[in-house]
Amino acid sequence: MNLPAEAVNALHTFQAAAGWEQRARLLMQWGDRLPPLSEADKSETHRVHGCESQVWLVGKLHDGHWQFAASSDARLIRGLVALLLARVNGLSAQDLQQVDLPDWFNQLGLSRQLSPSRSNGLNAVLQRMNELAIALPF
C-alpha cells in the first residue's frame, strides 16, 4: 500500500532523528502543528472512547478519500495522533482498514515508547476512523 506524502515525510523525519530525545521533541512539534478543533468539534459526539486522555476526532470524505482532524488535551498524545493522521489522511475506506498501527509506529522508531494505555488509545482512534468510514462509505 502506498503511503500518503505526509506519512513519507514523517518517516524520513523520524528515521533521521538521533535517539529518543530528538524523536520526543519531533513528536511534540508534530502535535503542535495540528490545526485546532472548534469548540463544537470538541463535543462528546466527537470524543474517542477508550483513551485515557481526551481525544476528539472528526472526519470528512472528499472524492472517496478520508480527511481526519483531531486534537487531545495531552501534548504527547497530540503528537502521536498527528502521526496517525499523517498515515491515514487521504486514504480510501478500504485502505484505512489495512493500516497496521504497531508497524507504523515501529517504522517511526516510537513503538517502545507506546505504553499499553497509549497503544490502546491510538487503536481506539483508528477504530473510530474505521467506524466513521463504514458509516459513510461514499
Protein backbone atom coordinates (compact mmCIF):
# COMPACT_ATOMS: atom_id res chain seq x y z
CA MET A 1 0.00 0.00 0.00
CA ASN A 2 1.30 3.44 -0.91
CA LEU A 3 1.95 5.86 1.89
CA PRO A 4 0.44 9.35 1.77
CA ALA A 5 3.06 12.08 1.16
CA GLU A 6 2.73 13.35 4.74
CA ALA A 7 3.43 9.83 6.05
CA VAL A 8 6.57 9.57 3.89
CA ASN A 9 7.67 12.94 5.27
CA ALA A 10 7.07 11.70 8.85
CA LEU A 11 9.04 8.51 8.20
CA HIS A 12 12.04 10.38 6.80
CA THR A 13 11.97 12.91 9.64
CA PHE A 14 11.70 10.37 12.45
CA GLN A 15 14.11 7.84 10.94
CA ALA A 16 16.72 10.60 10.65
CA ALA A 17 16.31 11.54 14.33
CA ALA A 18 19.28 10.70 16.55
CA GLY A 19 17.77 8.94 19.54
CA TRP A 20 14.69 9.16 21.67
CA GLU A 21 15.15 12.75 22.90
CA GLN A 22 15.14 14.11 19.37
CA ARG A 23 12.13 11.93 18.47
CA ALA A 24 10.28 13.17 21.58
CA ARG A 25 10.94 16.78 20.53
CA LEU A 26 9.72 15.99 17.00
CA LEU A 27 6.63 14.34 18.44
CA MET A 28 5.73 17.49 20.38
CA GLN A 29 6.34 19.64 17.27
CA TRP A 30 4.05 17.44 15.17
CA GLY A 31 1.34 17.71 17.82
CA ASP A 32 1.73 21.49 17.97
CA ARG A 33 1.16 21.69 14.20
CA LEU A 34 -2.29 20.11 14.41
CA PRO A 35 -4.90 22.69 13.43
CA PRO A 36 -7.09 23.45 16.47
CA LEU A 37 -10.56 21.94 16.50
CA SER A 38 -13.54 24.20 17.02
CA GLU A 39 -15.31 24.08 20.37
CA ALA A 40 -18.24 22.43 18.55
CA ASP A 41 -15.94 19.63 17.39
CA LYS A 42 -14.69 19.13 20.96
CA SER A 43 -18.06 17.72 21.93
CA GLU A 44 -18.97 14.37 23.45
CA THR A 45 -20.18 13.28 19.99
CA HIS A 46 -16.63 13.50 18.63
CA ARG A 47 -14.80 12.22 21.72
CA VAL A 48 -12.96 8.93 21.21
CA HIS A 49 -13.76 6.49 23.99
CA GLY A 50 -11.02 4.13 25.11
CA CYS A 51 -8.38 6.83 25.55
CA GLU A 52 -7.11 7.84 28.99
CA SER A 53 -6.57 11.37 27.65
CA GLN A 54 -9.35 13.28 25.98
CA VAL A 55 -9.16 12.85 22.21
CA TRP A 56 -11.63 14.30 19.71
CA LEU A 57 -11.87 13.15 16.10
CA VAL A 58 -13.80 14.42 13.12
CA GLY A 59 -13.66 13.06 9.58
CA LYS A 60 -14.86 14.08 6.15
CA LEU A 61 -14.92 12.20 2.89
CA HIS A 62 -13.57 14.07 -0.16
CA ASP A 63 -13.77 12.31 -3.54
CA GLY A 64 -13.54 8.88 -1.92
CA HIS A 65 -10.63 9.82 0.34
CA TRP A 66 -10.83 10.46 4.08
CA GLN A 67 -9.53 13.58 5.78
CA PHE A 68 -9.47 13.49 9.55
CA ALA A 69 -8.82 16.20 12.11
CA ALA A 70 -8.17 15.51 15.77
CA SER A 71 -6.97 17.02 18.99
CA SER A 72 -6.12 15.93 22.50
CA ASP A 73 -5.72 17.59 25.86
CA ALA A 74 -2.38 15.78 26.29
CA ARG A 75 0.62 17.09 24.35
CA LEU A 76 2.32 13.72 23.77
CA ILE A 77 -0.95 12.15 22.62
CA ARG A 78 -1.49 15.11 20.23
CA GLY A 79 1.87 14.26 18.65
CA LEU A 80 1.03 10.56 18.32
CA VAL A 81 -2.39 11.41 16.88
CA ALA A 82 -0.74 13.85 14.42
CA LEU A 83 1.46 10.99 13.19
CA LEU A 84 -1.57 8.73 12.89
CA LEU A 85 -3.33 11.42 10.84
CA ALA A 86 -0.24 11.70 8.60
CA ARG A 87 -0.54 7.95 7.98
CA VAL A 88 -4.28 7.82 7.23
CA ASN A 89 -5.32 11.16 5.71
CA GLY A 90 -6.08 10.75 2.02
CA LEU A 91 -6.82 7.02 2.25
CA SER A 92 -9.97 5.32 0.99
CA ALA A 93 -12.15 3.46 3.49
CA GLN A 94 -10.72 0.19 2.16
CA ASP A 95 -7.08 1.31 2.59
CA LEU A 96 -7.91 2.65 6.04
CA GLN A 97 -8.86 -0.86 7.16
CA GLN A 98 -5.41 -2.12 6.12
CA VAL A 99 -3.43 0.28 8.34
CA ASP A 100 -1.12 -1.62 10.69
CA LEU A 101 -0.74 0.70 13.67
CA PRO A 102 2.05 -1.18 15.51
CA ASP A 103 4.04 -1.45 12.28
CA TRP A 104 3.63 2.28 11.56
CA PHE A 105 4.92 3.37 14.98
CA ASN A 106 7.68 0.75 14.77
CA GLN A 107 8.84 2.25 11.45
CA LEU A 108 8.87 5.68 13.10
CA GLY A 109 11.03 4.32 15.92
CA LEU A 110 8.35 5.07 18.50
CA SER A 111 6.90 1.65 19.33
CA ARG A 112 8.95 1.17 22.52
CA GLN A 113 7.60 4.46 23.84
CA LEU A 114 3.99 3.37 23.39
CA SER A 115 2.73 2.22 26.77
CA PRO A 116 -0.15 -0.28 26.64
CA SER A 117 -2.62 2.50 27.53
CA ARG A 118 -1.30 4.80 24.77
CA SER A 119 -1.33 1.93 22.32
CA ASN A 120 -4.92 1.10 23.29
CA GLY A 121 -5.88 4.76 22.92
CA LEU A 122 -4.38 5.01 19.43
CA ASN A 123 -6.11 1.77 18.48
CA ALA A 124 -9.37 3.32 19.71
CA VAL A 125 -8.75 6.37 17.47
CA LEU A 126 -8.06 4.13 14.43
CA GLN A 127 -11.13 2.04 15.28
CA ARG A 128 -13.24 5.23 15.40
CA MET A 129 -11.85 6.27 11.99
CA ASN A 130 -12.92 2.91 10.58
CA GLU A 131 -16.37 3.27 12.16
CA LEU A 132 -16.78 6.68 10.51
CA ALA A 133 -15.59 5.27 7.17
CA ILE A 134 -18.06 2.39 7.37
CA ALA A 135 -20.92 4.70 8.40
CA LEU A 136 -20.30 6.96 5.37
CA PRO A 137 -18.99 4.59 2.70
CA PHE A 138 -19.39 7.01 -0.22
